[in-house]
C-alpha atoms as a PDB file:
ATOM      1  CA  MET A   1     -19.032  60.843  -8.850  1.00  0.00           C
ATOM      2  CA  ASP A   2     -17.409  59.353  -5.516  1.00  0.00           C
ATOM      3  CA  ARG A   3     -19.753  58.046  -2.925  1.00  0.00           C
ATOM      4  CA  PRO A   4     -19.849  59.608   0.578  1.00  0.00           C
ATOM      5  CA  ARG A   5     -17.531  57.708   2.675  1.00  0.00           C
ATOM      6  CA  LEU A   6     -18.338  55.860   5.631  1.00  0.00           C
ATOM      7  CA  ALA A   7     -15.924  53.910   7.996  1.00  0.00           C
ATOM      8  CA  ILE A   8     -17.305  51.239  10.615  1.00  0.00           C
ATOM      9  CA  LEU A   9     -16.280  49.438  13.466  1.00  0.00           C
ATOM     10  CA  VAL A  10     -17.778  46.366  14.212  1.00  0.00           C
ATOM     11  CA  GLY A  11     -17.118  43.404  16.481  1.00  0.00           C
ATOM     12  CA  PRO A  12     -18.557  41.200  19.038  1.00  0.00           C
ATOM     13  CA  THR A  13     -19.943  42.310  22.591  1.00  0.00           C
ATOM     14  CA  ALA A  14     -17.209  43.078  25.084  1.00  0.00           C
ATOM     15  CA  VAL A  15     -14.462  43.392  22.546  1.00  0.00           C
ATOM     16  CA  GLY A  16     -13.540  47.040  23.368  1.00  0.00           C
ATOM     17  CA  LYS A  17     -15.525  48.789  20.721  1.00  0.00           C
ATOM     18  CA  THR A  18     -16.331  51.727  22.979  1.00  0.00           C
ATOM     19  CA  ALA A  19     -13.335  52.855  24.112  1.00  0.00           C
ATOM     20  CA  ILE A  20     -11.697  52.556  20.554  1.00  0.00           C
ATOM     21  CA  ALA A  21     -14.082  54.525  18.507  1.00  0.00           C
ATOM     22  CA  LEU A  22     -13.594  57.038  21.714  1.00  0.00           C
ATOM     23  CA  GLN A  23      -9.761  57.478  20.289  1.00  0.00           C
ATOM     24  CA  LEU A  24     -10.476  56.847  16.704  1.00  0.00           C
ATOM     25  CA  ALA A  25     -13.495  59.780  16.663  1.00  0.00           C
ATOM     26  CA  GLN A  26     -11.569  62.231  19.130  1.00  0.00           C
ATOM     27  CA  ARG A  27      -8.281  61.749  16.586  1.00  0.00           C
ATOM     28  CA  PHE A  28     -10.484  62.398  13.555  1.00  0.00           C
ATOM     29  CA  ALA A  29     -12.866  65.082  14.834  1.00  0.00           C
ATOM     30  CA  ALA A  30     -15.376  62.592  14.044  1.00  0.00           C
ATOM     31  CA  HIS A  31     -19.037  61.859  15.052  1.00  0.00           C
ATOM     32  CA  ILE A  32     -20.160  58.396  16.129  1.00  0.00           C
ATOM     33  CA  ILE A  33     -23.479  56.586  14.779  1.00  0.00           C
ATOM     34  CA  ASN A  34     -24.460  53.787  17.047  1.00  0.00           C
ATOM     35  CA  ALA A  35     -25.358  50.626  15.420  1.00  0.00           C
ATOM     36  CA  ASP A  36     -26.456  48.544  18.869  1.00  0.00           C
ATOM     37  CA  SER A  37     -30.231  47.976  18.684  1.00  0.00           C
ATOM     38  CA  LEU A  38     -30.645  48.232  22.526  1.00  0.00           C
ATOM     39  CA  GLN A  39     -28.540  51.405  23.199  1.00  0.00           C
ATOM     40  CA  LEU A  40     -31.573  53.109  20.798  1.00  0.00           C
ATOM     41  CA  TYR A  41     -33.749  52.764  24.024  1.00  0.00           C
ATOM     42  CA  ARG A  42     -33.529  55.310  26.864  1.00  0.00           C
ATOM     43  CA  GLU A  43     -33.632  53.692  30.741  1.00  0.00           C
ATOM     44  CA  LEU A  44     -31.437  50.852  29.428  1.00  0.00           C
ATOM     45  CA  ASP A  45     -27.971  51.906  30.374  1.00  0.00           C
ATOM     46  CA  ILE A  46     -25.847  49.610  32.497  1.00  0.00           C
ATOM     47  CA  GLY A  47     -26.869  46.385  30.866  1.00  0.00           C
ATOM     48  CA  THR A  48     -26.659  47.932  27.098  1.00  0.00           C
ATOM     49  CA  ALA A  49     -23.165  49.391  27.978  1.00  0.00           C
ATOM     50  CA  LYS A  50     -24.213  52.345  26.924  1.00  0.00           C
ATOM     51  CA  PRO A  51     -21.584  55.121  26.367  1.00  0.00           C
ATOM     52  CA  THR A  52     -21.706  57.096  29.536  1.00  0.00           C
ATOM     53  CA  LEU A  53     -22.900  60.893  29.201  1.00  0.00           C
ATOM     54  CA  GLU A  54     -19.048  62.231  30.182  1.00  0.00           C
ATOM     55  CA  GLU A  55     -17.992  59.995  27.088  1.00  0.00           C
ATOM     56  CA  ARG A  56     -20.627  61.311  24.911  1.00  0.00           C
ATOM     57  CA  ARG A  57     -19.558  64.629  25.732  1.00  0.00           C
ATOM     58  CA  LEU A  58     -16.138  64.152  24.824  1.00  0.00           C
ATOM     59  CA  VAL A  59     -17.350  62.692  21.268  1.00  0.00           C
ATOM     60  CA  PRO A  60     -21.188  63.665  19.604  1.00  0.00           C
ATOM     61  CA  HIS A  61     -23.360  60.364  19.205  1.00  0.00           C
ATOM     62  CA  HIS A  62     -25.894  59.660  16.986  1.00  0.00           C
ATOM     63  CA  LEU A  63     -29.043  57.133  17.734  1.00  0.00           C
ATOM     64  CA  ILE A  64     -28.623  56.631  21.330  1.00  0.00           C
ATOM     65  CA  ASP A  65     -31.765  57.553  23.586  1.00  0.00           C
ATOM     66  CA  VAL A  66     -33.670  57.940  21.198  1.00  0.00           C
ATOM     67  CA  VAL A  67     -36.922  55.856  22.138  1.00  0.00           C
ATOM     68  CA  SER A  68     -38.630  54.772  24.737  1.00  0.00           C
ATOM     69  CA  PRO A  69     -38.679  51.362  25.738  1.00  0.00           C
ATOM     70  CA  PRO A  70     -42.070  50.754  24.761  1.00  0.00           C
ATOM     71  CA  GLU A  71     -41.785  52.060  21.138  1.00  0.00           C
ATOM     72  CA  PRO A  72     -41.359  50.169  18.719  1.00  0.00           C
ATOM     73  CA  TYR A  73     -37.978  50.152  16.442  1.00  0.00           C
ATOM     74  CA  ASP A  74     -36.744  47.903  14.054  1.00  0.00           C
ATOM     75  CA  ALA A  75     -33.663  47.341  11.445  1.00  0.00           C
ATOM     76  CA  ALA A  76     -36.075  49.593   8.664  1.00  0.00           C
ATOM     77  CA  ARG A  77     -36.470  52.376  10.758  1.00  0.00           C
ATOM     78  CA  TYR A  78     -32.808  52.249  12.070  1.00  0.00           C
ATOM     79  CA  GLY A  79     -31.637  52.282   8.440  1.00  0.00           C
ATOM     80  CA  ARG A  80     -33.638  54.939   7.151  1.00  0.00           C
ATOM     81  CA  GLU A  81     -33.021  57.517  10.390  1.00  0.00           C
ATOM     82  CA  ALA A  82     -28.879  56.475   9.866  1.00  0.00           C
ATOM     83  CA  ARG A  83     -28.920  57.418   6.473  1.00  0.00           C
ATOM     84  CA  GLN A  84     -30.461  60.827   7.268  1.00  0.00           C
ATOM     85  CA  ILE A  85     -27.684  61.099   9.764  1.00  0.00           C
ATOM     86  CA  VAL A  86     -25.051  60.274   7.584  1.00  0.00           C
ATOM     87  CA  ALA A  87     -26.379  62.685   5.056  1.00  0.00           C
ATOM     88  CA  ARG A  88     -26.586  65.369   7.228  1.00  0.00           C
ATOM     89  CA  LEU A  89     -22.918  64.963   8.703  1.00  0.00           C
ATOM     90  CA  HIS A  90     -21.491  64.629   5.097  1.00  0.00           C
ATOM     91  CA  GLN A  91     -23.004  67.766   3.867  1.00  0.00           C
ATOM     92  CA  GLN A  92     -21.374  69.632   7.028  1.00  0.00           C
ATOM     93  CA  GLY A  93     -18.322  68.157   6.529  1.00  0.00           C
ATOM     94  CA  ILE A  94     -18.408  65.813   9.495  1.00  0.00           C
ATOM     95  CA  LEU A  95     -16.638  62.085   9.287  1.00  0.00           C
ATOM     96  CA  PRO A  96     -18.996  59.315  10.310  1.00  0.00           C
ATOM     97  CA  LEU A  97     -17.745  56.235  12.396  1.00  0.00           C
ATOM     98  CA  VAL A  98     -20.791  53.604  12.649  1.00  0.00           C
ATOM     99  CA  VAL A  99     -19.873  51.355  15.720  1.00  0.00           C
ATOM    100  CA  GLY A 100     -21.587  48.613  17.052  1.00  0.00           C
ATOM    101  CA  GLY A 101     -22.382  44.748  16.637  1.00  0.00           C
ATOM    102  CA  THR A 102     -26.112  44.414  15.586  1.00  0.00           C
ATOM    103  CA  GLY A 103     -25.022  43.260  12.073  1.00  0.00           C
ATOM    104  CA  LEU A 104     -28.910  43.345  10.692  1.00  0.00           C
ATOM    105  CA  TYR A 105     -28.944  47.162  11.789  1.00  0.00           C
ATOM    106  CA  LEU A 106     -25.670  47.920   9.872  1.00  0.00           C
ATOM    107  CA  LYS A 107     -26.817  45.942   6.630  1.00  0.00           C
ATOM    108  CA  ALA A 108     -29.989  48.136   6.617  1.00  0.00           C
ATOM    109  CA  LEU A 109     -27.943  50.939   6.611  1.00  0.00           C
ATOM    110  CA  LEU A 110     -26.099  50.207   3.764  1.00  0.00           C
ATOM    111  CA  HIS A 111     -27.954  47.856   1.331  1.00  0.00           C
ATOM    112  CA  GLY A 112     -31.627  48.019   2.708  1.00  0.00           C
ATOM    113  CA  LEU A 113     -33.531  45.157   4.151  1.00  0.00           C
ATOM    114  CA  PHE A 114     -35.357  41.882   2.179  1.00  0.00           C
ATOM    115  CA  ASP A 115     -39.348  42.515   2.273  1.00  0.00           C
ATOM    116  CA  THR A 116     -40.879  39.263   3.935  1.00  0.00           C
ATOM    117  CA  PRO A 117     -43.919  38.245   2.103  1.00  0.00           C
ATOM    118  CA  PRO A 118     -47.502  38.873   3.838  1.00  0.00           C
ATOM    119  CA  VAL A 119     -48.635  36.486   6.205  1.00  0.00           C
ATOM    120  CA  PRO A 120     -52.525  35.808   6.481  1.00  0.00           C
ATOM    121  CA  GLU A 121     -53.947  37.000   9.965  1.00  0.00           C
ATOM    122  CA  ALA A 122     -55.346  33.255  10.434  1.00  0.00           C
ATOM    123  CA  LEU A 123     -51.843  31.466  10.072  1.00  0.00           C
ATOM    124  CA  ARG A 124     -50.660  34.427  12.529  1.00  0.00           C
ATOM    125  CA  ARG A 125     -53.143  33.569  15.067  1.00  0.00           C
ATOM    126  CA  ARG A 126     -52.882  29.805  14.854  1.00  0.00           C
ATOM    127  CA  LEU A 127     -48.835  29.774  15.408  1.00  0.00           C
ATOM    128  CA  ARG A 128     -49.658  32.331  17.980  1.00  0.00           C
ATOM    129  CA  GLN A 129     -52.073  29.750  19.508  1.00  0.00           C
ATOM    130  CA  GLU A 130     -49.300  26.899  19.280  1.00  0.00           C
ATOM    131  CA  LEU A 131     -46.656  28.994  21.354  1.00  0.00           C
ATOM    132  CA  HIS A 132     -49.268  29.276  23.765  1.00  0.00           C
ATOM    133  CA  ASP A 133     -50.063  25.738  23.936  1.00  0.00           C
ATOM    134  CA  LEU A 134     -46.834  24.070  22.846  1.00  0.00           C
ATOM    135  CA  GLY A 135     -44.289  26.717  24.228  1.00  0.00           C
ATOM    136  CA  LEU A 136     -41.245  28.557  22.735  1.00  0.00           C
ATOM    137  CA  PRO A 137     -38.753  25.576  22.797  1.00  0.00           C
ATOM    138  CA  ALA A 138     -41.196  23.313  20.441  1.00  0.00           C
ATOM    139  CA  LEU A 139     -41.552  25.890  17.742  1.00  0.00           C
ATOM    140  CA  TYR A 140     -37.668  26.956  17.882  1.00  0.00           C
ATOM    141  CA  GLU A 141     -37.090  22.805  17.477  1.00  0.00           C
ATOM    142  CA  ARG A 142     -39.610  23.054  14.739  1.00  0.00           C
ATOM    143  CA  LEU A 143     -37.710  25.831  12.678  1.00  0.00           C
ATOM    144  CA  LEU A 144     -34.651  24.387  13.496  1.00  0.00           C
ATOM    145  CA  LYS A 145     -35.786  21.072  11.537  1.00  0.00           C
ATOM    146  CA  ILE A 146     -37.305  22.872   8.426  1.00  0.00           C
ATOM    147  CA  ASP A 147     -34.830  26.087   8.004  1.00  0.00           C
ATOM    148  CA  PRO A 148     -31.855  25.457  10.116  1.00  0.00           C
ATOM    149  CA  LEU A 149     -29.995  28.183   8.522  1.00  0.00           C
ATOM    150  CA  THR A 150     -32.573  30.663  10.047  1.00  0.00           C
ATOM    151  CA  ALA A 151     -32.873  28.819  13.341  1.00  0.00           C
ATOM    152  CA  ARG A 152     -29.406  29.018  14.162  1.00  0.00           C
ATOM    153  CA  ARG A 153     -29.277  32.683  13.307  1.00  0.00           C
ATOM    154  CA  LEU A 154     -31.675  33.301  16.083  1.00  0.00           C
ATOM    155  CA  HIS A 155     -31.359  33.220  19.700  1.00  0.00           C
ATOM    156  CA  PRO A 156     -34.028  29.997  20.995  1.00  0.00           C
ATOM    157  CA  GLN A 157     -35.575  32.402  23.312  1.00  0.00           C
ATOM    158  CA  ASP A 158     -36.209  35.184  20.135  1.00  0.00           C
ATOM    159  CA  THR A 159     -39.846  35.010  20.061  1.00  0.00           C
ATOM    160  CA  TYR A 160     -40.601  37.087  17.536  1.00  0.00           C
ATOM    161  CA  ARG A 161     -38.340  36.328  15.137  1.00  0.00           C
ATOM    162  CA  ILE A 162     -39.323  32.676  15.575  1.00  0.00           C
ATOM    163  CA  LEU A 163     -42.673  33.249  15.011  1.00  0.00           C
ATOM    164  CA  ARG A 164     -42.021  35.395  12.094  1.00  0.00           C
ATOM    165  CA  ALA A 165     -39.644  32.429  10.217  1.00  0.00           C
ATOM    166  CA  LEU A 166     -42.220  29.888  10.700  1.00  0.00           C
ATOM    167  CA  GLU A 167     -45.469  32.369   9.364  1.00  0.00           C
ATOM    168  CA  VAL A 168     -42.878  33.184   6.125  1.00  0.00           C
ATOM    169  CA  LEU A 169     -42.329  29.500   5.554  1.00  0.00           C
ATOM    170  CA  GLU A 170     -45.879  28.198   5.753  1.00  0.00           C
ATOM    171  CA  ALA A 171     -47.190  30.914   3.792  1.00  0.00           C
ATOM    172  CA  THR A 172     -44.749  30.990   0.744  1.00  0.00           C
ATOM    173  CA  GLY A 173     -43.379  27.087   1.330  1.00  0.00           C
ATOM    174  CA  GLN A 174     -40.301  28.250   1.501  1.00  0.00           C
ATOM    175  CA  PRO A 175     -37.446  28.483   4.233  1.00  0.00           C
ATOM    176  CA  LEU A 176     -36.799  32.236   5.052  1.00  0.00           C
ATOM    177  CA  ALA A 177     -33.138  32.119   4.487  1.00  0.00           C
ATOM    178  CA  ALA A 178     -33.926  30.683   0.712  1.00  0.00           C
ATOM    179  CA  LEU A 179     -35.895  33.617   0.279  1.00  0.00           C
ATOM    180  CA  GLN A 180     -33.323  35.948   1.516  1.00  0.00           C
ATOM    181  CA  ALA A 181     -30.367  34.461  -0.101  1.00  0.00           C
ATOM    182  CA  ALA A 182     -32.295  34.964  -3.533  1.00  0.00           C
ATOM    183  CA  HIS A 183     -33.060  38.643  -3.018  1.00  0.00           C
ATOM    184  CA  ARG A 184     -30.681  41.000  -4.385  1.00  0.00           C
ATOM    185  CA  PHE A 185     -29.923  43.461  -2.526  1.00  0.00           C
ATOM    186  CA  PRO A 186     -28.762  46.646  -4.170  1.00  0.00           C
ATOM    187  CA  ALA A 187     -25.192  47.965  -3.848  1.00  0.00           C
ATOM    188  CA  SER A 188     -24.226  50.503  -0.835  1.00  0.00           C
ATOM    189  CA  PRO A 189     -24.920  53.931  -1.565  1.00  0.00           C
ATOM    190  CA  TYR A 190     -21.370  54.367   0.425  1.00  0.00           C
ATOM    191  CA  ARG A 191     -17.606  53.488  -0.065  1.00  0.00           C
ATOM    192  CA  THR A 192     -16.865  51.918   2.823  1.00  0.00           C
ATOM    193  CA  LEU A 193     -14.132  50.887   5.387  1.00  0.00           C
ATOM    194  CA  LYS A 194     -15.325  47.993   7.399  1.00  0.00           C
ATOM    195  CA  LEU A 195     -12.985  47.728  10.671  1.00  0.00           C
ATOM    196  CA  GLY A 196     -13.497  44.666  12.681  1.00  0.00           C
ATOM    197  CA  LEU A 197     -12.021  44.401  16.552  1.00  0.00           C
ATOM    198  CA  THR A 198     -11.694  40.475  17.682  1.00  0.00           C
ATOM    199  CA  LEU A 199      -9.652  38.749  20.493  1.00  0.00           C
ATOM    200  CA  PRO A 200      -8.716  35.145  20.903  1.00  0.00           C
ATOM    201  CA  ARG A 201     -11.990  33.040  22.084  1.00  0.00           C
ATOM    202  CA  GLU A 202     -11.009  32.519  25.824  1.00  0.00           C
ATOM    203  CA  GLU A 203      -9.717  36.390  26.422  1.00  0.00           C
ATOM    204  CA  LEU A 204     -13.187  37.439  24.767  1.00  0.00           C
ATOM    205  CA  TYR A 205     -15.088  35.368  27.083  1.00  0.00           C
ATOM    206  CA  GLU A 206     -13.390  36.052  30.100  1.00  0.00           C
ATOM    207  CA  ARG A 207     -13.617  39.866  29.400  1.00  0.00           C
ATOM    208  CA  ILE A 208     -17.576  38.982  29.040  1.00  0.00           C
ATOM    209  CA  ASN A 209     -17.510  37.419  32.292  1.00  0.00           C
ATOM    210  CA  LEU A 210     -16.152  40.316  33.792  1.00  0.00           C
ATOM    211  CA  ARG A 211     -17.848  42.809  32.246  1.00  0.00           C
ATOM    212  CA  VAL A 212     -21.167  40.712  33.725  1.00  0.00           C
ATOM    213  CA  GLU A 213     -19.880  41.287  37.120  1.00  0.00           C
ATOM    214  CA  ALA A 214     -18.632  44.669  36.633  1.00  0.00           C
ATOM    215  CA  MET A 215     -22.346  45.852  35.425  1.00  0.00           C
ATOM    216  CA  LEU A 216     -23.744  44.247  38.294  1.00  0.00           C
ATOM    217  CA  ALA A 217     -21.634  45.826  40.462  1.00  0.00           C
ATOM    218  CA  GLN A 218     -22.936  49.347  39.019  1.00  0.00           C
ATOM    219  CA  GLY A 219     -26.337  48.716  39.757  1.00  0.00           C
ATOM    220  CA  TRP A 220     -27.866  46.379  37.177  1.00  0.00           C
ATOM    221  CA  LEU A 221     -30.582  44.638  38.930  1.00  0.00           C
ATOM    222  CA  THR A 222     -31.505  48.352  40.817  1.00  0.00           C
ATOM    223  CA  GLU A 223     -32.135  49.184  36.857  1.00  0.00           C
ATOM    224  CA  VAL A 224     -34.349  46.446  35.678  1.00  0.00           C
ATOM    225  CA  GLU A 225     -36.226  46.543  38.954  1.00  0.00           C
ATOM    226  CA  GLY A 226     -36.681  49.911  38.281  1.00  0.00           C
ATOM    227  CA  LEU A 227     -38.078  49.398  34.421  1.00  0.00           C
ATOM    228  CA  LEU A 228     -40.216  46.516  36.321  1.00  0.00           C
ATOM    229  CA  SER A 229     -42.034  48.848  38.225  1.00  0.00           C
ATOM    230  CA  ARG A 230     -42.942  50.877  35.148  1.00  0.00           C
ATOM    231  CA  TYR A 231     -43.133  48.545  32.489  1.00  0.00           C
ATOM    232  CA  PRO A 232     -44.404  44.972  31.740  1.00  0.00           C
ATOM    233  CA  PRO A 233     -41.938  42.067  31.663  1.00  0.00           C
ATOM    234  CA  ASP A 234     -43.075  41.068  28.321  1.00  0.00           C
ATOM    235  CA  LEU A 235     -41.994  44.049  26.785  1.00  0.00           C
ATOM    236  CA  LYS A 236     -39.423  43.575  24.075  1.00  0.00           C
ATOM    237  CA  PRO A 237     -36.151  45.676  25.282  1.00  0.00           C
ATOM    238  CA  LEU A 238     -36.844  43.680  28.652  1.00  0.00           C
ATOM    239  CA  ASN A 239     -36.404  40.249  27.023  1.00  0.00           C
ATOM    240  CA  SER A 240     -33.327  41.423  25.315  1.00  0.00           C
ATOM    241  CA  LEU A 241     -30.296  39.539  26.222  1.00  0.00           C
ATOM    242  CA  GLY A 242     -29.347  40.058  30.022  1.00  0.00           C
ATOM    243  CA  TYR A 243     -32.535  42.026  30.853  1.00  0.00           C
ATOM    244  CA  ARG A 244     -34.623  39.123  30.597  1.00  0.00           C
ATOM    245  CA  HIS A 245     -32.502  36.859  33.457  1.00  0.00           C
ATOM    246  CA  LEU A 246     -32.688  39.615  35.427  1.00  0.00           C
ATOM    247  CA  VAL A 247     -36.422  40.124  35.272  1.00  0.00           C
ATOM    248  CA  ALA A 248     -36.867  36.511  35.648  1.00  0.00           C
ATOM    249  CA  TYR A 249     -34.715  36.129  39.011  1.00  0.00           C
ATOM    250  CA  LEU A 250     -36.690  39.241  39.933  1.00  0.00           C
ATOM    251  CA  LEU A 251     -40.102  37.420  39.054  1.00  0.00           C
ATOM    252  CA  GLY A 252     -38.818  34.308  41.352  1.00  0.00           C
ATOM    253  CA  ARG A 253     -38.475  32.070  38.170  1.00  0.00           C
ATOM    254  CA  LEU A 254     -34.526  31.788  38.419  1.00  0.00           C
ATOM    255  CA  SER A 255     -32.044  31.955  41.820  1.00  0.00           C
ATOM    256  CA  PHE A 256     -29.550  35.021  41.608  1.00  0.00           C
ATOM    257  CA  PRO A 257     -26.684  32.892  40.801  1.00  0.00           C
ATOM    258  CA  ALA A 258     -28.474  30.785  37.901  1.00  0.00           C
ATOM    259  CA  ALA A 259     -29.481  34.282  36.531  1.00  0.00           C
ATOM    260  CA  VAL A 260     -25.732  35.514  36.551  1.00  0.00           C
ATOM    261  CA  ALA A 261     -24.419  31.936  34.832  1.00  0.00           C
ATOM    262  CA  ALA A 262     -27.160  32.373  32.186  1.00  0.00           C
ATOM    263  CA  ILE A 263     -26.411  35.980  31.348  1.00  0.00           C
ATOM    264  CA  LYS A 264     -22.147  35.064  31.337  1.00  0.00           C
ATOM    265  CA  ARG A 265     -23.441  31.941  29.414  1.00  0.00           C
ATOM    266  CA  ASP A 266     -26.113  33.427  27.174  1.00  0.00           C
ATOM    267  CA  THR A 267     -23.468  36.534  26.132  1.00  0.00           C
ATOM    268  CA  ARG A 268     -20.697  34.060  25.109  1.00  0.00           C
ATOM    269  CA  ARG A 269     -23.333  32.540  22.673  1.00  0.00           C
ATOM    270  CA  TYR A 270     -24.117  35.523  21.657  1.00  0.00           C
ATOM    271  CA  ALA A 271     -20.715  36.813  21.103  1.00  0.00           C
ATOM    272  CA  LYS A 272     -20.198  33.412  19.068  1.00  0.00           C
ATOM    273  CA  ARG A 273     -23.016  34.385  16.700  1.00  0.00           C
ATOM    274  CA  GLN A 274     -21.655  37.740  16.067  1.00  0.00           C
ATOM    275  CA  LEU A 275     -18.577  36.400  15.020  1.00  0.00           C
ATOM    276  CA  THR A 276     -19.944  33.871  13.122  1.00  0.00           C
ATOM    277  CA  TRP A 277     -22.168  36.767  11.239  1.00  0.00           C
ATOM    278  CA  PHE A 278     -19.434  39.463  10.688  1.00  0.00           C
ATOM    279  CA  ARG A 279     -16.594  36.713   9.617  1.00  0.00           C
ATOM    280  CA  ALA A 280     -19.019  35.920   6.767  1.00  0.00           C
ATOM    281  CA  ASP A 281     -18.413  39.384   5.288  1.00  0.00           C
ATOM    282  CA  PRO A 282     -15.064  39.492   3.034  1.00  0.00           C
ATOM    283  CA  GLU A 283     -14.894  43.626   3.537  1.00  0.00           C
ATOM    284  CA  ILE A 284     -14.241  43.347   7.320  1.00  0.00           C
ATOM    285  CA  ILE A 285     -10.470  44.156   8.333  1.00  0.00           C
ATOM    286  CA  TRP A 286      -9.583  42.451  11.473  1.00  0.00           C
ATOM    287  CA  PHE A 287      -7.771  43.975  13.963  1.00  0.00           C
ATOM    288  CA  HIS A 288      -6.658  43.440  18.247  1.00  0.00           C
ATOM    289  CA  PRO A 289      -7.978  46.047  20.133  1.00  0.00           C
ATOM    290  CA  GLY A 290      -4.470  46.626  21.531  1.00  0.00           C
ATOM    291  CA  GLN A 291      -3.770  47.829  17.493  1.00  0.00           C
ATOM    292  CA  LEU A 292      -4.996  51.288  17.798  1.00  0.00           C
ATOM    293  CA  LYS A 293      -1.562  52.835  15.911  1.00  0.00           C
ATOM    294  CA  GLU A 294      -2.795  50.294  12.747  1.00  0.00           C
ATOM    295  CA  LEU A 295      -6.771  51.157  12.891  1.00  0.00           C
ATOM    296  CA  ALA A 296      -6.027  54.933  13.049  1.00  0.00           C
ATOM    297  CA  ALA A 297      -3.511  54.325   9.835  1.00  0.00           C
ATOM    298  CA  ARG A 298      -5.965  52.895   7.985  1.00  0.00           C
ATOM    299  CA  LEU A 299      -8.810  55.115   8.854  1.00  0.00           C
ATOM    300  CA  GLN A 300      -6.455  58.172   7.564  1.00  0.00           C
ATOM    301  CA  GLU A 301      -5.629  56.372   4.423  1.00  0.00           C
ATOM    302  CA  PHE A 302      -9.222  56.251   3.744  1.00  0.00           C
ATOM    303  CA  TRP A 303     -10.590  59.287   5.044  1.00  0.00           C
ATOM    304  CA  ALA A 304      -7.506  61.427   3.618  1.00  0.00           C
ATOM    305  CA  PRO A 305      -9.338  63.861   0.490  1.00  0.00           C
ATOM    306  CA  PRO A 306      -8.881  62.903  -2.556  1.00  0.00           C
ATOM    307  CA  PRO A 307      -5.658  64.879  -4.597  1.00  0.00           C
ATOM    308  CA  THR A 308      -7.019  67.601  -6.883  1.00  0.00           C
ATOM    309  CA  PRO A 309      -6.708  67.247 -10.185  1.00  0.00           C
ATOM    310  CA  ALA A 310      -4.062  69.495 -11.760  1.00  0.00           C
ATOM    311  CA  ALA A 311      -4.804  72.368 -13.549  1.00  0.00           C
ATOM    312  CA  PRO A 312      -4.555  71.720 -17.676  1.00  0.00           C
ATOM    313  CA  SER A 313      -1.581  73.638 -19.051  1.00  0.00           C
ATOM    314  CA  ALA A 314      -2.256  76.817 -21.196  1.00  0.00           C
ATOM    315  CA  PRO A 315      -1.589  76.512 -24.758  1.00  0.00           C
ATOM    316  CA  GLY A 316       1.863  76.484 -25.842  1.00  0.00           C
ATOM    317  CA  SER A 317       3.467  76.452 -22.339  1.00  0.00           C
ATOM    318  CA  ALA A 318       6.136  74.377 -21.771  1.00  0.00           C
ATOM    319  CA  PRO A 319       5.584  70.642 -20.802  1.00  0.00           C
END
């Protein structure tokens, strides 16, 4: 039995996924399923480069604005909810196009996730005390020495994942990267076409710098001020890329020029990590964002209905 077909469009931040996805989805009457971890949150609009309401009226989007900022949301939940949406679209005869740059969320959709082992509560409390006493940079340096593969995949300010990696290592005696490598993920329930967008590094970095300036001109700082008036600054979404820098400015920890420079620098670094993640997947077929015709041709070939088997000839009929 042919597995359900699922097309996926990936690429680093600012490469132009939204614009390309809209054109492709309109051409094939497809629905877009978001695979960006921040676009799931309501109220985080400008800094997440979320598709506008007008764009969402042009093409139906799923898994955008589904939770409020304080509500927990993780890759496991994303995997469950995205699979439900894919199943529903297939039942309705609608083509699903998954679009985003959060590699872990895509992994959860296609293969499920590695279940980390349980961690004793005493160990968890001790590491949080060390975080308080020594600071996050010291814990990140520790992880870099004992589990460099995991550490290099994480942002040095990703408190949750740094602590989790240290918890697993101390609880099991094995690096998280080694445990993940030994885990056999199940085969995907879908027949997939993975399309990637990429640009020369200098061109991508220039687009990142320009997009940060454009977001600020659109009122990003005002958006963050509003969020800070309603939520505590240590909220998980407010510690994400860009938001944490503007929060630091509003709390007097950074000057505005320093915050903007840090957003651009860290966004470039994030794009580099995204490309490292995606380039490790040999199934991704890479395109320049200007190759819309070629992208559409690949989708047309992939989504074309399989040929109907010829009816068997009646006995005694001419061949």
